[in-house]
Amino acid sequence: MASKKLIFYNHFHNGDIHSARNFVKDIMSKIEYSETIYYHENSFTILKDIDLKHIRDKYPTSELFIENDNEIIINTWFHTQHGHRLHQCTLEALYYNFNIIYNKLNIKLEPIEYYIPTIDYNKFKIENIDNFFKDRKYKKYVYMANGPIRSFQSMEENMDRVIGEISKNKDNLIIIANDSSFKDTNVIESKDIIGSEGIDDLNENSYLTTKCDVIIGRESGPYFFSYVKENTSSDLYQKIIVSTNIRPFLGERYYNPNKKVVHISGFLNKIDEIKKMID
C-alpha cells in the first residue's frame, strides 16, 4: 500500500469538503501512501491545515471507493446511494459511508463524535479576531451567516429584515458573514474583524463563531463552518439557531448540554421568537 496514491474527491461545495475533514485526516494517519491528492472545485484554503495536494477538477467517477494497483480513491461526499439515502446530509451519513471505506482499508473507525470537524486554526489568520474579542464592549456577540445558500437544505430568504430587527438592541453586536443593504452602528461584517477581503476566509469565520454568544445561520454556506468541536463541546454558553428543511448535519445530541440549540424552518416568520432568544 505504501506505493499507492491516496486520492480523495468531492463534486460538491465548501461545506461538503469541511464536513468530512476529520475522516480525511484520520485515514491519512492510519495508512501508508506515496502522496495525497484531493480533487474538488472549491477554494484550496479550506483544507490548508492538512498536508495534501489540491487539484481543481472533478474526478471522473462517483463511486464511493476504488482501489487498484496504483491508487486508493475515496469519495468524501454524503453519497446518494449510501449514507445520504438513509441519513440525509448528516454526520451519520458520512459515518455510514466511511464505515464501508474503513472496512475495505482494514483500519479502525473511531466513535462517531471523533469525526466532528476540527480545524488547526493556527494555520489561518486569527490574530485580528483574538485582538477584537479582548475588549468585549457589547453584552452579546451575535454571528449571522447571511449569505446565499447553495442547496435545497434551507429556505432562500432575504436576511436584511432579520438583521434590522435583531440589531435594534444596541447592547448587542451583530457580526454578519456577507454584505447587507442594512447598515447600523452595531452591525459589522466578519471580514472587517478578520482583516480579509471576504473571500477564502471560511476557516477564519469558523474561528470567529467560537468567540460568539449566538450563532444564527442556515444549513448551508458559512454557517456550516461553525460545525466544529469548539462549538459543540466547549463550556461556553451559546445559543445556536439554525434554519433547515432537513435534518441538521449535527443533531442536538452532539452538543454540550450547556448549549441551547434551536432548529427552525425559516427566519422571517420567527423574528420575534429569535429576538427573545437573543435578548
C-alpha atoms as a PDB file:
ATOM      1  CA  MET A   1       0.000   0.000   0.000  1.00  0.00           C
ATOM      2  CA  ALA A   2       2.985   2.286   0.516  1.00  0.00           C
ATOM      3  CA  SER A   3       3.415   2.923  -3.211  1.00  0.00           C
ATOM      4  CA  LYS A   4      -0.195   3.906  -3.860  1.00  0.00           C
ATOM      5  CA  LYS A   5      -1.585   7.391  -4.285  1.00  0.00           C
ATOM      6  CA  LEU A   6      -4.343   8.301  -1.847  1.00  0.00           C
ATOM      7  CA  ILE A   7      -6.969  10.261  -3.762  1.00  0.00           C
ATOM      8  CA  PHE A   8      -9.942  11.990  -2.162  1.00  0.00           C
ATOM      9  CA  TYR A   9     -12.597  13.693  -4.238  1.00  0.00           C
ATOM     10  CA  ASN A  10     -15.850  15.596  -3.778  1.00  0.00           C
ATOM     11  CA  HIS A  11     -18.073  17.038  -6.540  1.00  0.00           C
ATOM     12  CA  PHE A  12     -19.890  19.495  -4.297  1.00  0.00           C
ATOM     13  CA  HIS A  13     -19.426  22.630  -2.190  1.00  0.00           C
ATOM     14  CA  ASN A  14     -17.326  24.174   0.577  1.00  0.00           C
ATOM     15  CA  GLY A  15     -19.385  22.732   3.414  1.00  0.00           C
ATOM     16  CA  ASP A  16     -19.190  19.263   1.895  1.00  0.00           C
ATOM     17  CA  ILE A  17     -15.394  19.473   1.937  1.00  0.00           C
ATOM     18  CA  HIS A  18     -15.382  20.762   5.518  1.00  0.00           C
ATOM     19  CA  SER A  19     -17.803  18.162   6.860  1.00  0.00           C
ATOM     20  CA  ALA A  20     -15.549  15.187   6.038  1.00  0.00           C
ATOM     21  CA  ARG A  21     -12.240  16.743   7.047  1.00  0.00           C
ATOM     22  CA  ASN A  22     -11.701  14.580  10.147  1.00  0.00           C
ATOM     23  CA  PHE A  23     -12.243  11.377   8.182  1.00  0.00           C
ATOM     24  CA  VAL A  24      -9.601  12.559   5.710  1.00  0.00           C
ATOM     25  CA  LYS A  25      -7.110  13.320   8.484  1.00  0.00           C
ATOM     26  CA  ASP A  26      -7.814  10.040  10.220  1.00  0.00           C
ATOM     27  CA  ILE A  27      -7.301   7.934   7.102  1.00  0.00           C
ATOM     28  CA  MET A  28      -4.059   9.782   6.340  1.00  0.00           C
ATOM     29  CA  SER A  29      -2.838   8.915   9.842  1.00  0.00           C
ATOM     30  CA  LYS A  30      -3.709   5.210   9.567  1.00  0.00           C
ATOM     31  CA  ILE A  31      -2.493   4.055   6.151  1.00  0.00           C
ATOM     32  CA  GLU A  32       0.671   4.385   4.124  1.00  0.00           C
ATOM     33  CA  TYR A  33       0.652   6.186   0.787  1.00  0.00           C
ATOM     34  CA  SER A  34       3.012   7.812  -1.685  1.00  0.00           C
ATOM     35  CA  GLU A  35       1.101  11.112  -1.851  1.00  0.00           C
ATOM     36  CA  THR A  36      -2.347  12.508  -1.081  1.00  0.00           C
ATOM     37  CA  ILE A  37      -4.408  14.391  -3.650  1.00  0.00           C
ATOM     38  CA  TYR A  38      -7.825  15.999  -3.217  1.00  0.00           C
ATOM     39  CA  TYR A  39      -9.938  16.725  -6.298  1.00  0.00           C
ATOM     40  CA  HIS A  40     -12.611  19.395  -5.807  1.00  0.00           C
ATOM     41  CA  GLU A  41     -13.687  22.726  -7.286  1.00  0.00           C
ATOM     42  CA  ASN A  42     -13.641  24.880  -4.165  1.00  0.00           C
ATOM     43  CA  SER A  43     -11.073  27.115  -2.505  1.00  0.00           C
ATOM     44  CA  PHE A  44      -7.852  25.316  -1.674  1.00  0.00           C
ATOM     45  CA  THR A  45      -7.669  27.285   1.578  1.00  0.00           C
ATOM     46  CA  ILE A  46     -10.456  25.164   3.112  1.00  0.00           C
ATOM     47  CA  LEU A  47      -8.036  22.362   3.978  1.00  0.00           C
ATOM     48  CA  LYS A  48      -4.866  24.441   4.219  1.00  0.00           C
ATOM     49  CA  ASP A  49      -4.202  22.913   7.640  1.00  0.00           C
ATOM     50  CA  ILE A  50      -3.931  19.405   6.131  1.00  0.00           C
ATOM     51  CA  ASP A  51      -0.814  18.341   4.239  1.00  0.00           C
ATOM     52  CA  LEU A  52      -2.165  17.308   0.839  1.00  0.00           C
ATOM     53  CA  LYS A  53      -2.197  18.434  -2.778  1.00  0.00           C
ATOM     54  CA  HIS A  54      -5.317  20.014  -4.297  1.00  0.00           C
ATOM     55  CA  ILE A  55      -6.435  19.719  -7.900  1.00  0.00           C
ATOM     56  CA  ARG A  56      -9.313  21.934  -9.057  1.00  0.00           C
ATOM     57  CA  ASP A  57     -11.199  19.435 -11.156  1.00  0.00           C
ATOM     58  CA  LYS A  58     -13.911  16.798 -10.936  1.00  0.00           C
ATOM     59  CA  TYR A  59     -12.565  13.322 -10.511  1.00  0.00           C
ATOM     60  CA  PRO A  60     -14.102  11.136 -13.250  1.00  0.00           C
ATOM     61  CA  THR A  61     -16.157   8.793 -11.086  1.00  0.00           C
ATOM     62  CA  SER A  62     -18.924   8.868  -8.487  1.00  0.00           C
ATOM     63  CA  GLU A  63     -18.028   5.561  -6.839  1.00  0.00           C
ATOM     64  CA  LEU A  64     -17.668   5.532  -3.063  1.00  0.00           C
ATOM     65  CA  PHE A  65     -14.399   3.610  -3.063  1.00  0.00           C
ATOM     66  CA  ILE A  66     -11.992   2.295  -5.684  1.00  0.00           C
ATOM     67  CA  GLU A  67      -8.669   0.554  -5.147  1.00  0.00           C
ATOM     68  CA  ASN A  68      -6.367  -0.550  -7.925  1.00  0.00           C
ATOM     69  CA  ASP A  69      -2.674  -1.330  -8.249  1.00  0.00           C
ATOM     70  CA  ASN A  70      -1.654   2.329  -8.038  1.00  0.00           C
ATOM     71  CA  GLU A  71      -4.422   4.255  -6.276  1.00  0.00           C
ATOM     72  CA  ILE A  72      -6.897   4.353  -3.432  1.00  0.00           C
ATOM     73  CA  ILE A  73      -9.800   6.597  -4.440  1.00  0.00           C
ATOM     74  CA  ILE A  74     -12.315   7.829  -1.858  1.00  0.00           C
ATOM     75  CA  ASN A  75     -15.497   9.861  -2.345  1.00  0.00           C
ATOM     76  CA  THR A  76     -15.913  12.138   0.685  1.00  0.00           C
ATOM     77  CA  TRP A  77     -19.476  13.245  -0.115  1.00  0.00           C
ATOM     78  CA  PHE A  78     -22.609  12.015   1.673  1.00  0.00           C
ATOM     79  CA  HIS A  79     -23.363   9.936  -1.473  1.00  0.00           C
ATOM     80  CA  THR A  80     -26.920   9.345  -2.661  1.00  0.00           C
ATOM     81  CA  GLN A  81     -26.502   5.574  -2.961  1.00  0.00           C
ATOM     82  CA  HIS A  82     -25.181   5.111   0.549  1.00  0.00           C
ATOM     83  CA  GLY A  83     -25.336   7.347   3.647  1.00  0.00           C
ATOM     84  CA  HIS A  84     -27.352  10.191   2.131  1.00  0.00           C
ATOM     85  CA  ARG A  85     -30.149   7.805   1.177  1.00  0.00           C
ATOM     86  CA  LEU A  86     -30.538   6.801   4.828  1.00  0.00           C
ATOM     87  CA  HIS A  87     -29.414   9.827   6.819  1.00  0.00           C
ATOM     88  CA  GLN A  88     -29.518  12.899   4.518  1.00  0.00           C
ATOM     89  CA  CYS A  89     -26.622  15.382   4.861  1.00  0.00           C
ATOM     90  CA  THR A  90     -25.593  14.436   8.388  1.00  0.00           C
ATOM     91  CA  LEU A  91     -22.555  13.195  10.242  1.00  0.00           C
ATOM     92  CA  GLU A  92     -24.376   9.859  10.459  1.00  0.00           C
ATOM     93  CA  ALA A  93     -24.449   9.676   6.655  1.00  0.00           C
ATOM     94  CA  LEU A  94     -20.695  10.199   6.445  1.00  0.00           C
ATOM     95  CA  TYR A  95     -20.116   7.705   9.235  1.00  0.00           C
ATOM     96  CA  TYR A  96     -22.167   5.119   7.345  1.00  0.00           C
ATOM     97  CA  ASN A  97     -20.094   5.670   4.199  1.00  0.00           C
ATOM     98  CA  PHE A  98     -16.731   5.694   5.898  1.00  0.00           C
ATOM     99  CA  ASN A  99     -17.568   2.528   7.818  1.00  0.00           C
ATOM    100  CA  ILE A 100     -17.676   0.834   4.397  1.00  0.00           C
ATOM    101  CA  ILE A 101     -14.435   2.534   3.359  1.00  0.00           C
ATOM    102  CA  TYR A 102     -12.595   1.729   6.614  1.00  0.00           C
ATOM    103  CA  ASN A 103     -13.589  -1.919   6.323  1.00  0.00           C
ATOM    104  CA  LYS A 104     -12.146  -2.048   2.808  1.00  0.00           C
ATOM    105  CA  LEU A 105      -8.948  -0.407   4.083  1.00  0.00           C
ATOM    106  CA  ASN A 106      -8.890  -2.727   7.110  1.00  0.00           C
ATOM    107  CA  ILE A 107      -8.459   0.146   9.563  1.00  0.00           C
ATOM    108  CA  LYS A 108     -10.340   1.047  12.746  1.00  0.00           C
ATOM    109  CA  LEU A 109     -13.234   3.511  12.677  1.00  0.00           C
ATOM    110  CA  GLU A 110     -13.360   5.694  15.803  1.00  0.00           C
ATOM    111  CA  PRO A 111     -16.574   6.604  17.673  1.00  0.00           C
ATOM    112  CA  ILE A 112     -18.717   8.990  15.635  1.00  0.00           C
ATOM    113  CA  GLU A 113     -18.011  12.051  17.823  1.00  0.00           C
ATOM    114  CA  TYR A 114     -14.348  11.785  16.831  1.00  0.00           C
ATOM    115  CA  TYR A 115     -15.309  12.966  13.352  1.00  0.00           C
ATOM    116  CA  ILE A 116     -16.960  16.238  14.352  1.00  0.00           C
ATOM    117  CA  PRO A 117     -14.803  18.653  12.325  1.00  0.00           C
ATOM    118  CA  THR A 118     -11.711  20.221  13.878  1.00  0.00           C
ATOM    119  CA  ILE A 119      -9.539  22.886  12.287  1.00  0.00           C
ATOM    120  CA  ASP A 120      -5.952  23.812  13.122  1.00  0.00           C
ATOM    121  CA  TYR A 121      -6.789  27.494  13.406  1.00  0.00           C
ATOM    122  CA  ASN A 122      -3.123  28.377  13.895  1.00  0.00           C
ATOM    123  CA  LYS A 123      -2.680  27.824  10.145  1.00  0.00           C
ATOM    124  CA  PHE A 124      -5.094  30.686   9.448  1.00  0.00           C
ATOM    125  CA  LYS A 125      -5.338  34.431  10.053  1.00  0.00           C
ATOM    126  CA  ILE A 126      -6.825  34.612  13.548  1.00  0.00           C
ATOM    127  CA  GLU A 127      -4.721  37.285  15.264  1.00  0.00           C
ATOM    128  CA  ASN A 128      -7.140  40.101  14.447  1.00  0.00           C
ATOM    129  CA  ILE A 129     -10.044  38.052  15.776  1.00  0.00           C
ATOM    130  CA  ASP A 130      -8.284  37.435  19.088  1.00  0.00           C
ATOM    131  CA  ASN A 131      -7.451  41.114  19.396  1.00  0.00           C
ATOM    132  CA  PHE A 132     -11.024  42.143  18.605  1.00  0.00           C
ATOM    133  CA  PHE A 133     -12.504  39.992  21.354  1.00  0.00           C
ATOM    134  CA  LYS A 134     -10.023  41.020  24.044  1.00  0.00           C
ATOM    135  CA  ASP A 135     -12.184  44.033  24.849  1.00  0.00           C
ATOM    136  CA  ARG A 136     -15.779  42.849  24.881  1.00  0.00           C
ATOM    137  CA  LYS A 137     -17.752  46.085  24.758  1.00  0.00           C
ATOM    138  CA  TYR A 138     -21.118  44.508  23.967  1.00  0.00           C
ATOM    139  CA  LYS A 139     -23.414  42.388  26.077  1.00  0.00           C
ATOM    140  CA  LYS A 140     -23.694  39.709  23.390  1.00  0.00           C
ATOM    141  CA  TYR A 141     -21.904  38.986  20.149  1.00  0.00           C
ATOM    142  CA  VAL A 142     -24.241  37.552  17.537  1.00  0.00           C
ATOM    143  CA  TYR A 143     -22.814  35.881  14.430  1.00  0.00           C
ATOM    144  CA  MET A 144     -25.150  35.676  11.443  1.00  0.00           C
ATOM    145  CA  ALA A 145     -24.349  33.676   8.315  1.00  0.00           C
ATOM    146  CA  ASN A 146     -26.495  35.775   5.986  1.00  0.00           C
ATOM    147  CA  GLY A 147     -25.024  34.759   2.626  1.00  0.00           C
ATOM    148  CA  PRO A 148     -26.755  32.855  -0.173  1.00  0.00           C
ATOM    149  CA  ILE A 149     -27.457  29.157   0.180  1.00  0.00           C
ATOM    150  CA  ARG A 150     -26.325  26.628  -2.408  1.00  0.00           C
ATOM    151  CA  SER A 151     -28.609  23.705  -1.684  1.00  0.00           C
ATOM    152  CA  PHE A 152     -32.216  22.757  -1.033  1.00  0.00           C
ATOM    153  CA  GLN A 153     -31.443  22.238   2.627  1.00  0.00           C
ATOM    154  CA  SER A 154     -32.703  25.640   3.804  1.00  0.00           C
ATOM    155  CA  MET A 155     -35.074  28.378   2.704  1.00  0.00           C
ATOM    156  CA  GLU A 156     -33.700  31.151   0.497  1.00  0.00           C
ATOM    157  CA  GLU A 157     -34.649  34.294   2.424  1.00  0.00           C
ATOM    158  CA  ASN A 158     -33.535  37.917   2.358  1.00  0.00           C
ATOM    159  CA  MET A 159     -31.801  38.240   5.710  1.00  0.00           C
ATOM    160  CA  ASP A 160     -31.718  42.060   5.770  1.00  0.00           C
ATOM    161  CA  ARG A 161     -35.017  42.306   7.635  1.00  0.00           C
ATOM    162  CA  VAL A 162     -33.815  39.813  10.240  1.00  0.00           C
ATOM    163  CA  ILE A 163     -30.580  41.768  10.708  1.00  0.00           C
ATOM    164  CA  GLY A 164     -32.538  45.004  11.066  1.00  0.00           C
ATOM    165  CA  GLU A 165     -34.828  43.583  13.714  1.00  0.00           C
ATOM    166  CA  ILE A 166     -32.238  41.872  15.903  1.00  0.00           C
ATOM    167  CA  SER A 167     -29.883  44.868  15.710  1.00  0.00           C
ATOM    168  CA  LYS A 168     -32.466  47.082  17.436  1.00  0.00           C
ATOM    169  CA  ASN A 169     -30.947  46.006  20.742  1.00  0.00           C
ATOM    170  CA  LYS A 170     -27.878  48.252  20.767  1.00  0.00           C
ATOM    171  CA  ASP A 171     -26.341  46.279  23.629  1.00  0.00           C
ATOM    172  CA  ASN A 172     -25.539  43.516  21.156  1.00  0.00           C
ATOM    173  CA  LEU A 173     -23.118  43.447  18.223  1.00  0.00           C
ATOM    174  CA  ILE A 174     -24.328  41.725  15.060  1.00  0.00           C
ATOM    175  CA  ILE A 175     -21.486  40.196  13.030  1.00  0.00           C
ATOM    176  CA  ILE A 176     -22.610  39.308   9.510  1.00  0.00           C
ATOM    177  CA  ALA A 177     -20.733  36.939   7.211  1.00  0.00           C
ATOM    178  CA  ASN A 178     -21.758  38.697   3.993  1.00  0.00           C
ATOM    179  CA  ASP A 179     -22.543  42.229   2.888  1.00  0.00           C
ATOM    180  CA  SER A 180     -26.025  43.539   3.608  1.00  0.00           C
ATOM    181  CA  SER A 181     -28.025  46.519   2.405  1.00  0.00           C
ATOM    182  CA  PHE A 182     -28.933  47.095   6.057  1.00  0.00           C
ATOM    183  CA  LYS A 183     -26.434  49.253   7.940  1.00  0.00           C
ATOM    184  CA  ASP A 184     -26.270  50.230  11.600  1.00  0.00           C
ATOM    185  CA  THR A 185     -23.713  51.186  14.220  1.00  0.00           C
ATOM    186  CA  ASN A 186     -23.858  47.764  15.867  1.00  0.00           C
ATOM    187  CA  VAL A 187     -23.657  45.736  12.638  1.00  0.00           C
ATOM    188  CA  ILE A 188     -20.238  44.746  11.290  1.00  0.00           C
ATOM    189  CA  GLU A 189     -19.029  42.371   8.594  1.00  0.00           C
ATOM    190  CA  SER A 190     -16.845  39.497   9.716  1.00  0.00           C
ATOM    191  CA  LYS A 191     -14.231  40.391   7.081  1.00  0.00           C
ATOM    192  CA  ASP A 192     -13.645  43.710   8.855  1.00  0.00           C
ATOM    193  CA  ILE A 193     -12.764  41.834  12.034  1.00  0.00           C
ATOM    194  CA  ILE A 194     -10.676  39.195  10.261  1.00  0.00           C
ATOM    195  CA  GLY A 195      -8.896  41.707   8.019  1.00  0.00           C
ATOM    196  CA  SER A 196      -9.740  39.811   4.848  1.00  0.00           C
ATOM    197  CA  GLU A 197     -11.338  40.652   1.526  1.00  0.00           C
ATOM    198  CA  GLY A 198     -14.343  38.498   2.374  1.00  0.00           C
ATOM    199  CA  ILE A 199     -13.147  35.594   0.234  1.00  0.00           C
ATOM    200  CA  ASP A 200     -11.233  32.441   1.192  1.00  0.00           C
ATOM    201  CA  ASP A 201     -11.883  33.161   4.868  1.00  0.00           C
ATOM    202  CA  LEU A 202     -14.338  30.423   5.825  1.00  0.00           C
ATOM    203  CA  ASN A 203     -11.980  28.927   8.407  1.00  0.00           C
ATOM    204  CA  GLU A 204     -11.402  32.355   9.927  1.00  0.00           C
ATOM    205  CA  ASN A 205     -15.173  32.799  10.089  1.00  0.00           C
ATOM    206  CA  SER A 206     -15.324  29.416  11.783  1.00  0.00           C
ATOM    207  CA  TYR A 207     -12.868  30.561  14.434  1.00  0.00           C
ATOM    208  CA  LEU A 208     -14.832  33.784  14.887  1.00  0.00           C
ATOM    209  CA  THR A 209     -18.007  31.808  15.663  1.00  0.00           C
ATOM    210  CA  THR A 210     -16.253  30.139  18.586  1.00  0.00           C
ATOM    211  CA  LYS A 211     -16.000  33.571  20.234  1.00  0.00           C
ATOM    212  CA  CYS A 212     -19.684  34.471  19.813  1.00  0.00           C
ATOM    213  CA  ASP A 213     -22.602  34.094  22.212  1.00  0.00           C
ATOM    214  CA  VAL A 214     -25.169  33.434  19.494  1.00  0.00           C
ATOM    215  CA  ILE A 215     -24.735  31.773  16.096  1.00  0.00           C
ATOM    216  CA  ILE A 216     -27.504  32.171  13.516  1.00  0.00           C
ATOM    217  CA  GLY A 217     -27.490  30.580  10.097  1.00  0.00           C
ATOM    218  CA  ARG A 218     -28.905  28.207   7.565  1.00  0.00           C
ATOM    219  CA  GLU A 219     -27.821  24.665   6.831  1.00  0.00           C
ATOM    220  CA  SER A 220     -25.503  25.948   4.109  1.00  0.00           C
ATOM    221  CA  GLY A 221     -22.749  28.469   3.457  1.00  0.00           C
ATOM    222  CA  PRO A 222     -20.510  29.944   6.183  1.00  0.00           C
ATOM    223  CA  TYR A 223     -22.806  28.597   8.896  1.00  0.00           C
ATOM    224  CA  PHE A 224     -21.625  25.086   8.055  1.00  0.00           C
ATOM    225  CA  PHE A 225     -18.136  26.043   9.218  1.00  0.00           C
ATOM    226  CA  SER A 226     -19.491  26.661  12.712  1.00  0.00           C
ATOM    227  CA  TYR A 227     -19.835  22.885  12.915  1.00  0.00           C
ATOM    228  CA  VAL A 228     -16.624  22.360  14.881  1.00  0.00           C
ATOM    229  CA  LYS A 229     -15.859  20.718  18.209  1.00  0.00           C
ATOM    230  CA  GLU A 230     -15.118  24.070  19.805  1.00  0.00           C
ATOM    231  CA  ASN A 231     -18.776  24.993  19.314  1.00  0.00           C
ATOM    232  CA  THR A 232     -20.223  21.606  20.230  1.00  0.00           C
ATOM    233  CA  SER A 233     -18.071  20.691  23.211  1.00  0.00           C
ATOM    234  CA  SER A 234     -16.850  23.849  24.934  1.00  0.00           C
ATOM    235  CA  ASP A 235     -18.356  25.037  28.208  1.00  0.00           C
ATOM    236  CA  LEU A 236     -19.015  28.494  26.731  1.00  0.00           C
ATOM    237  CA  TYR A 237     -22.752  29.071  26.894  1.00  0.00           C
ATOM    238  CA  GLN A 238     -24.019  29.653  23.368  1.00  0.00           C
ATOM    239  CA  LYS A 239     -27.345  29.839  21.599  1.00  0.00           C
ATOM    240  CA  ILE A 240     -27.296  28.250  18.172  1.00  0.00           C
ATOM    241  CA  ILE A 241     -30.244  28.995  15.876  1.00  0.00           C
ATOM    242  CA  VAL A 242     -30.341  27.291  12.504  1.00  0.00           C
ATOM    243  CA  SER A 243     -32.934  27.245   9.750  1.00  0.00           C
ATOM    244  CA  THR A 244     -33.129  23.915   7.978  1.00  0.00           C
ATOM    245  CA  ASN A 245     -35.588  21.980   5.844  1.00  0.00           C
ATOM    246  CA  ILE A 246     -33.918  18.662   6.596  1.00  0.00           C
ATOM    247  CA  ARG A 247     -32.012  17.030   9.433  1.00  0.00           C
ATOM    248  CA  PRO A 248     -29.063  19.213  10.500  1.00  0.00           C
ATOM    249  CA  PHE A 249     -25.528  17.974   9.976  1.00  0.00           C
ATOM    250  CA  LEU A 250     -25.135  17.730  13.746  1.00  0.00           C
ATOM    251  CA  GLY A 251     -28.162  16.946  15.884  1.00  0.00           C
ATOM    252  CA  GLU A 252     -28.609  18.272  19.409  1.00  0.00           C
ATOM    253  CA  ARG A 253     -27.111  15.146  20.974  1.00  0.00           C
ATOM    254  CA  TYR A 254     -23.641  16.210  19.818  1.00  0.00           C
ATOM    255  CA  TYR A 255     -23.701  19.446  21.822  1.00  0.00           C
ATOM    256  CA  ASN A 256     -22.625  20.117  25.366  1.00  0.00           C
ATOM    257  CA  PRO A 257     -25.823  20.406  27.469  1.00  0.00           C
ATOM    258  CA  ASN A 258     -24.723  23.966  28.231  1.00  0.00           C
ATOM    259  CA  LYS A 259     -25.625  24.947  24.663  1.00  0.00           C
ATOM    260  CA  LYS A 260     -29.117  25.911  23.549  1.00  0.00           C
ATOM    261  CA  VAL A 261     -29.675  24.558  20.040  1.00  0.00           C
ATOM    262  CA  VAL A 262     -32.834  25.570  18.174  1.00  0.00           C
ATOM    263  CA  HIS A 263     -33.824  24.299  14.727  1.00  0.00           C
ATOM    264  CA  ILE A 264     -36.475  26.254  12.817  1.00  0.00           C
ATOM    265  CA  SER A 265     -37.805  26.323   9.266  1.00  0.00           C
ATOM    266  CA  GLY A 266     -37.278  29.869   8.062  1.00  0.00           C
ATOM    267  CA  PHE A 267     -36.355  33.077   9.874  1.00  0.00           C
ATOM    268  CA  LEU A 268     -38.832  35.643   8.594  1.00  0.00           C
ATOM    269  CA  ASN A 269     -41.795  34.089  10.361  1.00  0.00           C
ATOM    270  CA  LYS A 270     -39.839  33.628  13.598  1.00  0.00           C
ATOM    271  CA  ILE A 271     -38.243  37.051  14.060  1.00  0.00           C
ATOM    272  CA  ASP A 272     -39.927  37.835  17.396  1.00  0.00           C
ATOM    273  CA  GLU A 273     -39.013  34.387  18.717  1.00  0.00           C
ATOM    274  CA  ILE A 274     -35.403  34.849  17.639  1.00  0.00           C
ATOM    275  CA  LYS A 275     -35.177  38.272  19.290  1.00  0.00           C
ATOM    276  CA  LYS A 276     -36.419  36.814  22.578  1.00  0.00           C
ATOM    277  CA  MET A 277     -33.859  34.017  22.411  1.00  0.00           C
ATOM    278  CA  ILE A 278     -31.048  36.521  21.827  1.00  0.00           C
ATOM    279  CA  ASP A 279     -32.079  39.153  24.334  1.00  0.00           C
END
